[in-house]
PDB file of all heavy atoms in Angstrom:
ATOM      1  N   THR A   1      -0.484  14.039   1.528  1.00  0.00           N
ATOM      2  CA  THR A   1      -0.861  12.598   1.947  1.00  0.00           C
ATOM      3  C   THR A   1       0.027  11.526   1.277  1.00  0.00           C
ATOM      4  O   THR A   1       0.262  11.659   0.057  1.00  0.00           O
ATOM      5  CB  THR A   1      -2.341  12.297   1.523  1.00  0.00           C
ATOM      6  OG1 THR A   1      -3.196  13.333   2.062  1.00  0.00           O
ATOM      7  CG2 THR A   1      -2.730  10.987   2.137  1.00  0.00           C
ATOM      8  N   ILE A   2       0.474  10.573   2.175  1.00  0.00           N
ATOM      9  CA  ILE A   2       1.309   9.551   1.655  1.00  0.00           C
ATOM     10  C   ILE A   2       0.388   8.251   1.421  1.00  0.00           C
ATOM     11  O   ILE A   2      -0.481   7.978   2.267  1.00  0.00           O
ATOM     12  CB  ILE A   2       2.404   9.254   2.617  1.00  0.00           C
ATOM     13  CG1 ILE A   2       3.467  10.377   2.679  1.00  0.00           C
ATOM     14  CG2 ILE A   2       3.215   7.880   2.173  1.00  0.00           C
ATOM     15  CD1 ILE A   2       4.471  10.273   3.741  1.00  0.00           C
ATOM     16  N   LEU A   3       0.639   7.600   0.345  1.00  0.00           N
ATOM     17  CA  LEU A   3      -0.052   6.273   0.266  1.00  0.00           C
ATOM     18  C   LEU A   3       1.061   5.173   0.239  1.00  0.00           C
ATOM     19  O   LEU A   3       2.095   5.191  -0.524  1.00  0.00           O
ATOM     20  CB  LEU A   3      -0.751   6.127  -1.095  1.00  0.00           C
ATOM     21  CG  LEU A   3      -1.281   4.811  -1.569  1.00  0.00           C
ATOM     22  CD1 LEU A   3      -2.483   4.454  -0.596  1.00  0.00           C
ATOM     23  CD2 LEU A   3      -1.795   4.788  -2.925  1.00  0.00           C
ATOM     24  N   ALA A   4       0.945   4.249   1.219  1.00  0.00           N
ATOM     25  CA  ALA A   4       1.839   3.153   1.351  1.00  0.00           C
ATOM     26  C   ALA A   4       1.300   1.868   1.037  1.00  0.00           C
ATOM     27  O   ALA A   4       0.130   1.479   1.426  1.00  0.00           O
ATOM     28  CB  ALA A   4       2.385   3.060   2.828  1.00  0.00           C
ATOM     29  N   LYS A   5       1.870   1.083   0.110  1.00  0.00           N
ATOM     30  CA  LYS A   5       1.464  -0.306  -0.269  1.00  0.00           C
ATOM     31  C   LYS A   5       2.453  -1.239   0.420  1.00  0.00           C
ATOM     32  O   LYS A   5       3.651  -1.153   0.184  1.00  0.00           O
ATOM     33  CB  LYS A   5       1.530  -0.434  -1.757  1.00  0.00           C
ATOM     34  CG  LYS A   5       0.521   0.572  -2.489  1.00  0.00           C
ATOM     35  CD  LYS A   5       0.555   0.271  -3.991  1.00  0.00           C
ATOM     36  CE  LYS A   5      -0.457   1.164  -4.695  1.00  0.00           C
ATOM     37  NZ  LYS A   5      -0.591   0.929  -6.158  1.00  0.00           N
ATOM     38  N   VAL A   6       1.790  -2.165   1.224  1.00  0.00           N
ATOM     39  CA  VAL A   6       2.611  -2.957   2.096  1.00  0.00           C
ATOM     40  C   VAL A   6       2.235  -4.475   1.993  1.00  0.00           C
ATOM     41  O   VAL A   6       1.061  -4.828   1.578  1.00  0.00           O
ATOM     42  CB  VAL A   6       2.505  -2.525   3.569  1.00  0.00           C
ATOM     43  CG1 VAL A   6       2.874  -1.023   3.678  1.00  0.00           C
ATOM     44  CG2 VAL A   6       1.082  -2.759   4.120  1.00  0.00           C
ATOM     45  N   HIS A   7       3.122  -5.302   2.485  1.00  0.00           N
ATOM     46  CA  HIS A   7       2.844  -6.756   2.730  1.00  0.00           C
ATOM     47  C   HIS A   7       2.401  -6.750   4.314  1.00  0.00           C
ATOM     48  O   HIS A   7       3.332  -6.522   5.082  1.00  0.00           O
ATOM     49  CB  HIS A   7       3.997  -7.544   2.476  1.00  0.00           C
ATOM     50  CG  HIS A   7       3.746  -8.980   2.737  1.00  0.00           C
ATOM     51  ND1 HIS A   7       3.882 -10.012   1.810  1.00  0.00           N
ATOM     52  CD2 HIS A   7       3.320  -9.723   3.880  1.00  0.00           C
ATOM     53  CE1 HIS A   7       3.585 -11.210   2.294  1.00  0.00           C
ATOM     54  NE2 HIS A   7       3.253 -11.048   3.589  1.00  0.00           N
ATOM     55  N   GLN A   8       1.223  -6.973   4.562  1.00  0.00           N
ATOM     56  CA  GLN A   8       0.715  -6.980   5.878  1.00  0.00           C
ATOM     57  C   GLN A   8       0.835  -8.338   6.507  1.00  0.00           C
ATOM     58  O   GLN A   8       0.328  -9.373   6.007  1.00  0.00           O
ATOM     59  CB  GLN A   8      -0.709  -6.469   5.972  1.00  0.00           C
ATOM     60  CG  GLN A   8      -1.378  -6.598   7.329  1.00  0.00           C
ATOM     61  CD  GLN A   8      -0.891  -5.620   8.330  1.00  0.00           C
ATOM     62  OE1 GLN A   8      -0.838  -4.363   8.068  1.00  0.00           O
ATOM     63  NE2 GLN A   8      -0.270  -6.083   9.425  1.00  0.00           N
ATOM     64  N   VAL A   9       1.536  -8.420   7.635  1.00  0.00           N
ATOM     65  CA  VAL A   9       1.608  -9.699   8.450  1.00  0.00           C
ATOM     66  C   VAL A   9       0.564  -9.654   9.411  1.00  0.00           C
ATOM     67  O   VAL A   9       0.474  -8.698  10.248  1.00  0.00           O
ATOM     68  CB  VAL A   9       3.028  -9.862   9.025  1.00  0.00           C
ATOM     69  CG1 VAL A   9       3.050 -11.150  10.016  1.00  0.00           C
ATOM     70  CG2 VAL A   9       4.092  -9.991   7.963  1.00  0.00           C
ATOM     71  N   GLY A  10      -0.291 -10.654   9.508  1.00  0.00           N
ATOM     72  CA  GLY A  10      -1.370 -10.646  10.491  1.00  0.00           C
ATOM     73  C   GLY A  10      -2.375  -9.617  10.161  1.00  0.00           C
ATOM     74  O   GLY A  10      -2.678  -9.325   9.026  1.00  0.00           O
ATOM     75  N   ALA A  11      -2.899  -9.007  11.251  1.00  0.00           N
ATOM     76  CA  ALA A  11      -4.025  -8.007  11.162  1.00  0.00           C
ATOM     77  C   ALA A  11      -3.436  -6.596  11.242  1.00  0.00           C
ATOM     78  O   ALA A  11      -2.490  -6.339  12.022  1.00  0.00           O
ATOM     79  CB  ALA A  11      -5.010  -8.208  12.156  1.00  0.00           C
ATOM     80  N   ALA A  12      -4.032  -5.649  10.455  1.00  0.00           N
ATOM     81  CA  ALA A  12      -3.557  -4.345  10.653  1.00  0.00           C
ATOM     82  C   ALA A  12      -4.236  -3.521  11.833  1.00  0.00           C
ATOM     83  O   ALA A  12      -3.668  -2.704  12.351  1.00  0.00           O
ATOM     84  CB  ALA A  12      -3.994  -3.569   9.392  1.00  0.00           C
ATOM     85  N   CYS A  13      -5.492  -3.931  12.156  1.00  0.00           N
ATOM     86  CA  CYS A  13      -6.263  -3.345  13.207  1.00  0.00           C
ATOM     87  C   CYS A  13      -5.942  -3.896  14.613  1.00  0.00           C
ATOM     88  O   CYS A  13      -5.778  -5.103  14.689  1.00  0.00           O
ATOM     89  CB  CYS A  13      -7.703  -3.432  12.953  1.00  0.00           C
ATOM     90  SG  CYS A  13      -8.784  -2.478  14.079  1.00  0.00           S
ATOM     91  N   HIS A  14      -5.928  -3.036  15.598  1.00  0.00           N
ATOM     92  CA  HIS A  14      -5.723  -3.549  16.976  1.00  0.00           C
ATOM     93  C   HIS A  14      -6.784  -4.457  17.482  1.00  0.00           C
ATOM     94  O   HIS A  14      -6.638  -5.194  18.456  1.00  0.00           O
ATOM     95  CB  HIS A  14      -5.517  -2.343  17.969  1.00  0.00           C
ATOM     96  CG  HIS A  14      -6.795  -1.576  18.146  1.00  0.00           C
ATOM     97  ND1 HIS A  14      -7.292  -0.720  17.304  1.00  0.00           N
ATOM     98  CD2 HIS A  14      -7.564  -1.634  19.259  1.00  0.00           C
ATOM     99  CE1 HIS A  14      -8.408  -0.123  17.862  1.00  0.00           C
ATOM    100  NE2 HIS A  14      -8.514  -0.678  18.993  1.00  0.00           N
ATOM    101  N   THR A  15      -8.002  -4.368  16.833  1.00  0.00           N
ATOM    102  CA  THR A  15      -9.107  -5.202  17.230  1.00  0.00           C
ATOM    103  C   THR A  15      -8.930  -6.654  16.825  1.00  0.00           C
ATOM    104  O   THR A  15      -9.696  -7.495  17.231  1.00  0.00           O
ATOM    105  CB  THR A  15     -10.426  -4.637  16.677  1.00  0.00           C
ATOM    106  OG1 THR A  15     -10.414  -4.807  15.212  1.00  0.00           O
ATOM    107  CG2 THR A  15     -10.670  -3.276  17.054  1.00  0.00           C
ATOM    108  N   GLY A  16      -8.004  -6.970  15.934  1.00  0.00           N
ATOM    109  CA  GLY A  16      -7.846  -8.284  15.291  1.00  0.00           C
ATOM    110  C   GLY A  16      -8.415  -8.368  13.941  1.00  0.00           C
ATOM    111  O   GLY A  16      -8.136  -9.350  13.194  1.00  0.00           O
ATOM    112  N   GLU A  17      -9.204  -7.277  13.506  1.00  0.00           N
ATOM    113  CA  GLU A  17      -9.638  -7.274  12.096  1.00  0.00           C
ATOM    114  C   GLU A  17      -8.572  -6.985  11.097  1.00  0.00           C
ATOM    115  O   GLU A  17      -7.494  -6.329  11.508  1.00  0.00           O
ATOM    116  CB  GLU A  17     -10.770  -6.225  11.949  1.00  0.00           C
ATOM    117  CG  GLU A  17     -12.030  -6.466  12.702  1.00  0.00           C
ATOM    118  CD  GLU A  17     -12.838  -7.597  12.097  1.00  0.00           C
ATOM    119  OE1 GLU A  17     -12.610  -7.960  10.967  1.00  0.00           O
ATOM    120  OE2 GLU A  17     -13.661  -8.160  12.840  1.00  0.00           O
ATOM    121  N   TYR A  18      -8.552  -7.541   9.939  1.00  0.00           N
ATOM    122  CA  TYR A  18      -7.470  -7.376   8.979  1.00  0.00           C
ATOM    123  C   TYR A  18      -7.361  -5.846   8.616  1.00  0.00           C
ATOM    124  O   TYR A  18      -6.217  -5.368   8.482  1.00  0.00           O
ATOM    125  CB  TYR A  18      -7.681  -8.171   7.694  1.00  0.00           C
ATOM    126  CG  TYR A  18      -6.591  -8.098   6.759  1.00  0.00           C
ATOM    127  CD1 TYR A  18      -5.293  -8.717   7.043  1.00  0.00           C
ATOM    128  CD2 TYR A  18      -6.723  -7.509   5.489  1.00  0.00           C
ATOM    129  CE1 TYR A  18      -4.256  -8.630   6.251  1.00  0.00           C
ATOM    130  CE2 TYR A  18      -5.622  -7.509   4.636  1.00  0.00           C
ATOM    131  CZ  TYR A  18      -4.411  -8.054   4.972  1.00  0.00           C
ATOM    132  OH  TYR A  18      -3.364  -7.972   4.075  1.00  0.00           O
ATOM    133  N   SER A  19      -8.433  -5.161   8.389  1.00  0.00           N
ATOM    134  CA  SER A  19      -8.450  -3.736   8.052  1.00  0.00           C
ATOM    135  C   SER A  19      -9.180  -3.008   9.177  1.00  0.00           C
ATOM    136  O   SER A  19     -10.097  -3.537   9.762  1.00  0.00           O
ATOM    137  CB  SER A  19      -9.077  -3.507   6.674  1.00  0.00           C
ATOM    138  OG  SER A  19      -9.369  -2.164   6.540  1.00  0.00           O
ATOM    139  N   CYS A  20      -8.648  -1.785   9.399  1.00  0.00           N
ATOM    140  CA  CYS A  20      -9.380  -0.901  10.413  1.00  0.00           C
ATOM    141  C   CYS A  20     -10.753  -0.476   9.875  1.00  0.00           C
ATOM    142  O   CYS A  20     -11.582  -0.125  10.715  1.00  0.00           O
ATOM    143  CB  CYS A  20      -8.545   0.290  10.696  1.00  0.00           C
ATOM    144  SG  CYS A  20      -6.946  -0.056  11.542  1.00  0.00           S
ATOM    145  N   PHE A  21     -10.928  -0.535   8.599  1.00  0.00           N
ATOM    146  CA  PHE A  21     -12.201   0.003   8.004  1.00  0.00           C
ATOM    147  C   PHE A  21     -13.280  -1.139   7.789  1.00  0.00           C
ATOM    148  O   PHE A  21     -13.507  -1.535   6.599  1.00  0.00           O
ATOM    149  CB  PHE A  21     -11.874   0.659   6.693  1.00  0.00           C
ATOM    150  CG  PHE A  21     -11.068   1.882   6.751  1.00  0.00           C
ATOM    151  CD1 PHE A  21      -9.629   1.770   6.695  1.00  0.00           C
ATOM    152  CD2 PHE A  21     -11.590   3.083   7.062  1.00  0.00           C
ATOM    153  CE1 PHE A  21      -8.865   2.860   6.842  1.00  0.00           C
ATOM    154  CE2 PHE A  21     -10.796   4.198   7.246  1.00  0.00           C
ATOM    155  CZ  PHE A  21      -9.436   4.078   7.168  1.00  0.00           C
ATOM    156  N   PHE A  22     -13.626  -1.773   8.888  1.00  0.00           N
ATOM    157  CA  PHE A  22     -14.512  -2.905   8.849  1.00  0.00           C
ATOM    158  C   PHE A  22     -15.956  -2.511   9.209  1.00  0.00           C
ATOM    159  O   PHE A  22     -16.895  -3.400   9.078  1.00  0.00           O
ATOM    160  CB  PHE A  22     -14.038  -4.041   9.714  1.00  0.00           C
ATOM    161  CG  PHE A  22     -13.827  -3.756  11.207  1.00  0.00           C
ATOM    162  CD1 PHE A  22     -15.052  -3.824  12.019  1.00  0.00           C
ATOM    163  CD2 PHE A  22     -12.722  -3.228  11.706  1.00  0.00           C
ATOM    164  CE1 PHE A  22     -14.926  -3.459  13.379  1.00  0.00           C
ATOM    165  CE2 PHE A  22     -12.650  -2.929  13.054  1.00  0.00           C
ATOM    166  CZ  PHE A  22     -13.665  -3.018  13.861  1.00  0.00           C
ATOM    167  N   THR A  23     -16.164  -1.401   9.646  1.00  0.00           N
ATOM    168  CA  THR A  23     -17.586  -0.970   9.970  1.00  0.00           C
ATOM    169  C   THR A  23     -18.261  -0.355   8.860  1.00  0.00           C
ATOM    170  O   THR A  23     -17.920   0.758   8.348  1.00  0.00           O
ATOM    171  CB  THR A  23     -17.545   0.045  11.178  1.00  0.00           C
ATOM    172  OG1 THR A  23     -16.890  -0.538  12.317  1.00  0.00           O
ATOM    173  CG2 THR A  23     -18.927   0.444  11.513  1.00  0.00           C
ATOM    174  N   GLU A  24     -19.217  -1.052   8.215  1.00  0.00           N
ATOM    175  CA  GLU A  24     -19.968  -0.455   7.065  1.00  0.00           C
ATOM    176  C   GLU A  24     -21.005   0.531   7.550  1.00  0.00           C
ATOM    177  O   GLU A  24     -21.803   0.228   8.406  1.00  0.00           O
ATOM    178  CB  GLU A  24     -20.655  -1.637   6.302  1.00  0.00           C
ATOM    179  CG  GLU A  24     -21.364  -1.176   5.032  1.00  0.00           C
ATOM    180  CD  GLU A  24     -22.002  -2.418   4.327  1.00  0.00           C
ATOM    181  OE1 GLU A  24     -21.177  -3.315   3.920  1.00  0.00           O
ATOM    182  OE2 GLU A  24     -23.184  -2.376   4.120  1.00  0.00           O
ATOM    183  N   LEU A  25     -20.891   1.731   7.030  1.00  0.00           N
ATOM    184  CA  LEU A  25     -21.886   2.797   7.344  1.00  0.00           C
ATOM    185  C   LEU A  25     -23.036   2.904   6.389  1.00  0.00           C
ATOM    186  O   LEU A  25     -24.221   3.139   6.768  1.00  0.00           O
ATOM    187  CB  LEU A  25     -21.140   4.116   7.407  1.00  0.00           C
ATOM    188  CG  LEU A  25     -19.966   4.245   8.434  1.00  0.00           C
ATOM    189  CD1 LEU A  25     -19.402   5.618   8.368  1.00  0.00           C
ATOM    190  CD2 LEU A  25     -20.615   4.066   9.857  1.00  0.00           C
ATOM    191  N   ALA A  26     -22.811   2.754   5.069  1.00  0.00           N
ATOM    192  CA  ALA A  26     -23.855   2.827   4.104  1.00  0.00           C
ATOM    193  C   ALA A  26     -23.358   2.121   2.818  1.00  0.00           C
ATOM    194  O   ALA A  26     -22.111   2.111   2.508  1.00  0.00           O
ATOM    195  CB  ALA A  26     -24.155   4.298   3.742  1.00  0.00           C
ATOM    196  N   LYS A  27     -24.244   1.544   2.014  1.00  0.00           N
ATOM    197  CA  LYS A  27     -23.944   0.830   0.883  1.00  0.00           C
ATOM    198  C   LYS A  27     -25.098   0.787  -0.057  1.00  0.00           C
ATOM    199  O   LYS A  27     -26.258   0.583   0.324  1.00  0.00           O
ATOM    200  CB  LYS A  27     -23.500  -0.578   1.165  1.00  0.00           C
ATOM    201  CG  LYS A  27     -23.056  -1.391  -0.013  1.00  0.00           C
ATOM    202  CD  LYS A  27     -22.572  -2.747   0.336  1.00  0.00           C
ATOM    203  CE  LYS A  27     -22.086  -3.588  -0.824  1.00  0.00           C
ATOM    204  NZ  LYS A  27     -21.671  -4.905  -0.550  1.00  0.00           N
ATOM    205  N   ARG A  28     -24.817   1.005  -1.421  1.00  0.00           N
ATOM    206  CA  ARG A  28     -25.812   0.909  -2.457  1.00  0.00           C
ATOM    207  C   ARG A  28     -25.479  -0.221  -3.319  1.00  0.00           C
ATOM    208  O   ARG A  28     -24.299  -0.324  -3.728  1.00  0.00           O
ATOM    209  CB  ARG A  28     -25.909   2.184  -3.194  1.00  0.00           C
ATOM    210  CG  ARG A  28     -27.057   2.291  -4.219  1.00  0.00           C
ATOM    211  CD  ARG A  28     -27.144   3.647  -4.795  1.00  0.00           C
ATOM    212  NE  ARG A  28     -28.245   3.808  -5.787  1.00  0.00           N
ATOM    213  CZ  ARG A  28     -28.155   3.456  -7.049  1.00  0.00           C
ATOM    214  NH1 ARG A  28     -27.096   2.947  -7.554  1.00  0.00           N
ATOM    215  NH2 ARG A  28     -29.242   3.593  -7.800  1.00  0.00           N
ATOM    216  N   ASP A  29     -26.428  -1.009  -3.712  1.00  0.00           N
ATOM    217  CA  ASP A  29     -26.149  -2.169  -4.618  1.00  0.00           C
ATOM    218  C   ASP A  29     -25.604  -1.670  -5.952  1.00  0.00           C
ATOM    219  O   ASP A  29     -26.160  -0.616  -6.526  1.00  0.00           O
ATOM    220  CB  ASP A  29     -27.399  -3.084  -4.828  1.00  0.00           C
ATOM    221  CG  ASP A  29     -27.625  -3.835  -3.527  1.00  0.00           C
ATOM    222  OD1 ASP A  29     -26.780  -4.034  -2.686  1.00  0.00           O
ATOM    223  OD2 ASP A  29     -28.797  -4.251  -3.445  1.00  0.00           O
ATOM    224  N   TYR A  30     -24.564  -2.283  -6.555  1.00  0.00           N
ATOM    225  CA  TYR A  30     -24.108  -1.996  -7.835  1.00  0.00           C
ATOM    226  C   TYR A  30     -23.491  -3.165  -8.482  1.00  0.00           C
ATOM    227  O   TYR A  30     -23.196  -4.129  -7.793  1.00  0.00           O
ATOM    228  CB  TYR A  30     -23.064  -0.875  -7.725  1.00  0.00           C
ATOM    229  CG  TYR A  30     -21.783  -1.172  -6.910  1.00  0.00           C
ATOM    230  CD1 TYR A  30     -20.679  -1.678  -7.373  1.00  0.00           C
ATOM    231  CD2 TYR A  30     -21.870  -0.954  -5.490  1.00  0.00           C
ATOM    232  CE1 TYR A  30     -19.587  -2.017  -6.639  1.00  0.00           C
ATOM    233  CE2 TYR A  30     -20.819  -1.338  -4.717  1.00  0.00           C
ATOM    234  CZ  TYR A  30     -19.634  -1.827  -5.256  1.00  0.00           C
ATOM    235  OH  TYR A  30     -18.559  -2.132  -4.485  1.00  0.00           O
ATOM    236  N   ILE A  31     -23.285  -3.056  -9.760  1.00  0.00           N
ATOM    237  CA  ILE A  31     -22.615  -4.193 -10.510  1.00  0.00           C
ATOM    238  C   ILE A  31     -21.125  -3.981 -10.528  1.00  0.00           C
ATOM    239  O   ILE A  31     -20.691  -2.914 -11.058  1.00  0.00           O
ATOM    240  CB  ILE A  31     -23.166  -4.279 -11.932  1.00  0.00           C
ATOM    241  CG1 ILE A  31     -24.647  -4.545 -12.010  1.00  0.00           C
ATOM    242  CG2 ILE A  31     -22.427  -5.365 -12.715  1.00  0.00           C
ATOM    243  CD1 ILE A  31     -25.343  -4.555 -13.334  1.00  0.00           C
ATOM    244  N   ASP A  32     -20.450  -4.854  -9.914  1.00  0.00           N
ATOM    245  CA  ASP A  32     -18.946  -4.777  -9.887  1.00  0.00           C
ATOM    246  C   ASP A  32     -18.318  -5.481 -11.050  1.00  0.00           C
ATOM    247  O   ASP A  32     -18.511  -6.638 -11.246  1.00  0.00           O
ATOM    248  CB  ASP A  32     -18.482  -5.436  -8.548  1.00  0.00           C
ATOM    249  CG  ASP A  32     -16.935  -5.224  -8.379  1.00  0.00           C
ATOM    250  OD1 ASP A  32     -16.260  -4.648  -9.193  1.00  0.00           O
ATOM    251  OD2 ASP A  32     -16.497  -5.815  -7.369  1.00  0.00           O
ATOM    252  N   THR A  33     -17.641  -4.719 -11.836  1.00  0.00           N
ATOM    253  CA  THR A  33     -17.021  -5.272 -13.070  1.00  0.00           C
ATOM    254  C   THR A  33     -15.462  -5.307 -12.936  1.00  0.00           C
ATOM    255  O   THR A  33     -14.730  -5.562 -13.897  1.00  0.00           O
ATOM    256  CB  THR A  33     -17.396  -4.572 -14.349  1.00  0.00           C
ATOM    257  OG1 THR A  33     -17.005  -3.137 -14.213  1.00  0.00           O
ATOM    258  CG2 THR A  33     -18.864  -4.598 -14.629  1.00  0.00           C
TER     259      THR A  33
END
């Protein structure tokens, strides 16, 4: 697997969202430090 770190111009997703991973499936509250 390759990991690419990029300067994104505009949106990455064809839907117009910045990231393709915008659909939240599940989440548990936690303290972000």
